[in-house]
Amino acid sequence: MNYDNYEIKVGQMDEDEIIYACVEHIEIAIDDYVNSEERAPQMEIVAKDYNKKCTYCSDQAKYVLLP
């Protein structure tokens, strides 16, 4: 999988709009996104070397929900 475009997309967005989620919290993250935006999010897998923490805990994020 190629993550070159991923870092460009995330870098151009407001960090307040992005939800990072670990495996444990991805369902909650999707529910929160749908409840606030009233539409499904664009979800992508976070590259292993992209050091972001889950929005809901201090674990490493595995997914990112993009607006």
C-alpha atoms as a PDB file:
ATOM      1  CA  MET A   1       0.000   0.000   0.000  1.00  0.00           C
ATOM      2  CA  ASN A   2       1.340   3.440  -0.913  1.00  0.00           C
ATOM      3  CA  TYR A   3       1.015   6.143   1.757  1.00  0.00           C
ATOM      4  CA  ASP A   4       2.681   8.998  -0.168  1.00  0.00           C
ATOM      5  CA  ASN A   5      -0.607  10.812  -0.855  1.00  0.00           C
ATOM      6  CA  TYR A   6      -1.900  10.089   2.662  1.00  0.00           C
ATOM      7  CA  GLU A   7       0.574  12.443   4.333  1.00  0.00           C
ATOM      8  CA  ILE A   8      -0.200  15.184   1.815  1.00  0.00           C
ATOM      9  CA  LYS A   9      -3.966  14.871   2.370  1.00  0.00           C
ATOM     10  CA  VAL A  10      -3.668  14.931   6.159  1.00  0.00           C
ATOM     11  CA  GLY A  11      -1.142  17.754   6.082  1.00  0.00           C
ATOM     12  CA  GLN A  12      -3.589  19.984   4.208  1.00  0.00           C
ATOM     13  CA  MET A  13      -6.460  19.486   6.681  1.00  0.00           C
ATOM     14  CA  ASP A  14      -7.272  21.165   9.952  1.00  0.00           C
ATOM     15  CA  GLU A  15      -6.145  18.817  12.754  1.00  0.00           C
ATOM     16  CA  ASP A  16      -9.355  19.604  14.692  1.00  0.00           C
ATOM     17  CA  GLU A  17     -11.410  17.942  11.942  1.00  0.00           C
ATOM     18  CA  ILE A  18      -9.405  14.710  11.897  1.00  0.00           C
ATOM     19  CA  ILE A  19     -10.205  11.795  14.209  1.00  0.00           C
ATOM     20  CA  TYR A  20      -7.474   9.254  14.924  1.00  0.00           C
ATOM     21  CA  ALA A  21      -8.542   5.895  16.347  1.00  0.00           C
ATOM     22  CA  CYS A  22      -6.938   2.723  17.620  1.00  0.00           C
ATOM     23  CA  VAL A  23      -8.495  -0.695  16.981  1.00  0.00           C
ATOM     24  CA  GLU A  24     -10.408  -0.526  20.264  1.00  0.00           C
ATOM     25  CA  HIS A  25     -12.017   2.865  19.563  1.00  0.00           C
ATOM     26  CA  ILE A  26     -12.729   2.807  15.815  1.00  0.00           C
ATOM     27  CA  GLU A  27     -16.430   2.029  16.241  1.00  0.00           C
ATOM     28  CA  ILE A  28     -16.870   4.914  18.699  1.00  0.00           C
ATOM     29  CA  ALA A  29     -14.949   7.212  16.354  1.00  0.00           C
ATOM     30  CA  ILE A  30     -17.198   6.316  13.420  1.00  0.00           C
ATOM     31  CA  ASP A  31     -20.327   6.819  15.554  1.00  0.00           C
ATOM     32  CA  ASP A  32     -19.077  10.225  16.749  1.00  0.00           C
ATOM     33  CA  TYR A  33     -18.237  11.293  13.206  1.00  0.00           C
ATOM     34  CA  VAL A  34     -21.607  10.224  11.794  1.00  0.00           C
ATOM     35  CA  ASN A  35     -23.462  11.872  14.685  1.00  0.00           C
ATOM     36  CA  SER A  36     -21.716  15.213  14.160  1.00  0.00           C
ATOM     37  CA  GLU A  37     -21.414  15.272  10.347  1.00  0.00           C
ATOM     38  CA  GLU A  38     -24.503  13.217   9.419  1.00  0.00           C
ATOM     39  CA  ARG A  39     -22.533  11.356   6.754  1.00  0.00           C
ATOM     40  CA  ALA A  40     -20.028   8.525   6.588  1.00  0.00           C
ATOM     41  CA  PRO A  41     -16.349   9.415   7.014  1.00  0.00           C
ATOM     42  CA  GLN A  42     -13.507   8.657   4.670  1.00  0.00           C
ATOM     43  CA  MET A  43     -11.472   6.128   6.646  1.00  0.00           C
ATOM     44  CA  GLU A  44      -7.872   5.178   5.962  1.00  0.00           C
ATOM     45  CA  ILE A  45      -5.265   3.041   7.703  1.00  0.00           C
ATOM     46  CA  VAL A  46      -2.497   5.056   9.327  1.00  0.00           C
ATOM     47  CA  ALA A  47       1.039   4.274   8.173  1.00  0.00           C
ATOM     48  CA  LYS A  48       3.085   2.595  10.910  1.00  0.00           C
ATOM     49  CA  ASP A  49       5.722   5.322  10.833  1.00  0.00           C
ATOM     50  CA  TYR A  50       3.077   8.094  11.086  1.00  0.00           C
ATOM     51  CA  ASN A  51       3.252   8.714  14.829  1.00  0.00           C
ATOM     52  CA  LYS A  52      -0.262   9.734  15.906  1.00  0.00           C
ATOM     53  CA  LYS A  53      -2.144   8.801  19.055  1.00  0.00           C
ATOM     54  CA  CYS A  54      -5.776   7.744  19.275  1.00  0.00           C
ATOM     55  CA  THR A  55      -8.166  10.634  19.949  1.00  0.00           C
ATOM     56  CA  TYR A  56      -9.808   8.559  22.709  1.00  0.00           C
ATOM     57  CA  CYS A  57      -6.766   7.095  24.495  1.00  0.00           C
ATOM     58  CA  SER A  58      -2.967   7.153  24.404  1.00  0.00           C
ATOM     59  CA  ASP A  59      -2.550   4.097  22.139  1.00  0.00           C
ATOM     60  CA  GLN A  60      -1.059   4.320  18.655  1.00  0.00           C
ATOM     61  CA  ALA A  61      -3.695   5.220  16.054  1.00  0.00           C
ATOM     62  CA  LYS A  62      -4.392   2.590  13.423  1.00  0.00           C
ATOM     63  CA  TYR A  63      -7.125   4.488  11.539  1.00  0.00           C
ATOM     64  CA  VAL A  64      -7.796   8.073  10.564  1.00  0.00           C
ATOM     65  CA  LEU A  65     -11.245   9.485   9.774  1.00  0.00           C
ATOM     66  CA  LEU A  66     -10.972  12.316   7.298  1.00  0.00           C
ATOM     67  CA  PRO A  67     -13.630  14.996   6.790  1.00  0.00           C
END
